[in-house]
C-alpha cells in the first residue's frame, strides 16, 4: 500500500513539473526535403540556391 502511494505521488509530481516547464510546450518542426525551418516566419521555407 505504501509503495503504491509513493509511486502515485511520484507520477503526480513528474506530471506537474512537466506542465510547469514552458520550454517543453514547443514541438520541433519537421520540414520537407528542400526546405528549412524559419524561426521568424514560424514556417518551412524553400531553400533557394543563388
Protein backbone atom coordinates (compact mmCIF):
# COMPACT_ATOMS: atom_id res chain seq x y z
CA UNK A 1 0.00 0.00 0.00
CA UNK A 2 2.78 2.43 0.91
CA UNK A 3 4.70 1.64 -2.27
CA UNK A 4 1.57 2.34 -4.35
CA UNK A 5 1.07 5.71 -2.69
CA UNK A 6 4.72 6.67 -3.18
CA UNK A 7 4.59 5.70 -6.87
CA UNK A 8 1.35 7.63 -7.39
CA UNK A 9 2.80 10.70 -5.68
CA UNK A 10 5.95 10.48 -7.80
CA UNK A 11 3.90 10.32 -11.02
CA UNK A 12 1.79 13.31 -9.97
CA UNK A 13 4.93 15.33 -9.16
CA UNK A 14 6.54 14.46 -12.50
CA UNK A 15 3.39 15.43 -14.42
CA UNK A 16 3.14 18.71 -12.53
CA UNK A 17 6.77 19.54 -13.20
CA UNK A 18 6.43 18.87 -16.92
CA UNK A 19 3.34 21.08 -17.17
CA UNK A 20 5.03 23.89 -15.25
CA UNK A 21 8.03 23.96 -17.57
CA UNK A 22 7.24 26.22 -20.53
CA UNK A 23 10.25 25.14 -22.59
CA UNK A 24 8.68 21.76 -23.30
CA UNK A 25 5.50 23.15 -24.79
CA UNK A 26 7.02 23.74 -28.22
CA UNK A 27 7.37 20.87 -30.64
CA UNK A 28 10.17 20.52 -33.11
CA UNK A 29 9.01 21.35 -36.61
CA UNK A 30 9.97 18.90 -39.32
CA UNK A 31 10.23 20.31 -42.83
CA UNK A 32 10.14 18.52 -46.15
CA UNK A 33 13.36 17.89 -48.09
CA UNK A 34 14.50 21.07 -49.83
CA UNK A 35 13.04 23.30 -47.11
CA UNK A 36 14.22 24.66 -43.78
CA UNK A 37 12.51 25.95 -40.63
CA UNK A 38 12.43 29.76 -40.48
CA UNK A 39 12.06 30.75 -36.82
CA UNK A 40 10.96 34.29 -37.60
CA UNK A 41 8.22 33.22 -40.02
CA UNK A 42 7.41 30.10 -37.96
CA UNK A 43 7.07 28.02 -41.11
CA UNK A 44 9.05 25.95 -43.60
CA UNK A 45 10.72 27.94 -46.36
CA UNK A 46 12.10 26.67 -49.65
CA UNK A 47 15.89 26.58 -49.91
CA UNK A 48 16.96 28.88 -52.75
CA UNK A 49 20.46 28.45 -54.17
CA UNK A 50 21.72 31.53 -55.97
